[in-house]
Amino acid sequence: MKLFAWNEIQTLGDLERLRLMLDSMPDEALMRTLECRLGKGRDADPVRAI
């Protein structure tokens, strides 16, 4: 049993494949680290929005 068929992924455009990859990557630890490093400095551009 497969999670998905390659031909379904292959027919997607580059941006759609990128979105699938980014959505599947665990990033909470990275976001927390970046937010801590941002500290109390400039918060005009929150890390999660970038």
Protein backbone atom coordinates (compact mmCIF):
# COMPACT_ATOMS: atom_id res chain seq x y z
CA MET A 1 0.00 0.00 0.00
CA LYS A 2 1.38 3.40 -0.97
CA LEU A 3 0.77 6.73 0.67
CA PHE A 4 0.51 8.34 -2.76
CA ALA A 5 1.25 7.41 -6.32
CA TRP A 6 4.25 9.12 -7.90
CA ASN A 7 2.26 9.94 -11.04
CA GLU A 8 -0.08 12.06 -8.89
CA ILE A 9 2.87 14.08 -7.59
CA GLN A 10 4.62 14.23 -10.95
CA THR A 11 1.65 15.95 -12.58
CA LEU A 12 1.71 18.79 -10.03
CA GLY A 13 3.50 22.03 -10.74
CA ASP A 14 6.72 23.01 -8.99
CA LEU A 15 5.00 25.32 -6.51
CA GLU A 16 2.42 22.68 -5.61
CA ARG A 17 5.19 20.12 -4.97
CA LEU A 18 7.08 22.69 -2.89
CA ARG A 19 3.94 23.33 -0.82
CA LEU A 20 3.51 19.58 -0.23
CA MET A 21 7.10 19.34 0.96
CA LEU A 22 6.91 22.39 3.23
CA ASP A 23 3.61 21.25 4.72
CA SER A 24 5.10 17.89 5.62
CA MET A 25 8.29 19.21 7.26
CA PRO A 26 8.26 19.58 11.05
CA ASP A 27 9.21 23.21 11.73
CA GLU A 28 7.99 24.04 15.24
CA ALA A 29 11.45 23.66 16.82
CA LEU A 30 12.98 25.90 14.16
CA MET A 31 10.29 28.56 14.64
CA ARG A 32 10.78 28.58 18.43
CA THR A 33 14.55 28.90 18.05
CA LEU A 34 14.22 31.79 15.61
CA GLU A 35 11.66 33.52 17.85
CA CYS A 36 14.03 33.23 20.83
CA ARG A 37 16.89 34.68 18.82
CA LEU A 38 14.68 37.53 17.70
CA GLY A 39 14.19 38.25 21.38
CA LYS A 40 12.92 41.69 22.28
CA GLY A 41 14.37 43.35 19.23
CA ARG A 42 12.44 44.60 16.28
CA ASP A 43 9.17 42.71 15.94
CA ALA A 44 7.82 44.41 12.83
CA ASP A 45 8.27 41.16 10.91
CA PRO A 46 7.29 38.16 13.05
CA VAL A 47 9.26 35.00 12.27
CA ARG A 48 6.15 32.92 11.49
CA ALA A 49 4.92 35.44 8.94
CA ILE A 50 8.22 35.38 7.10
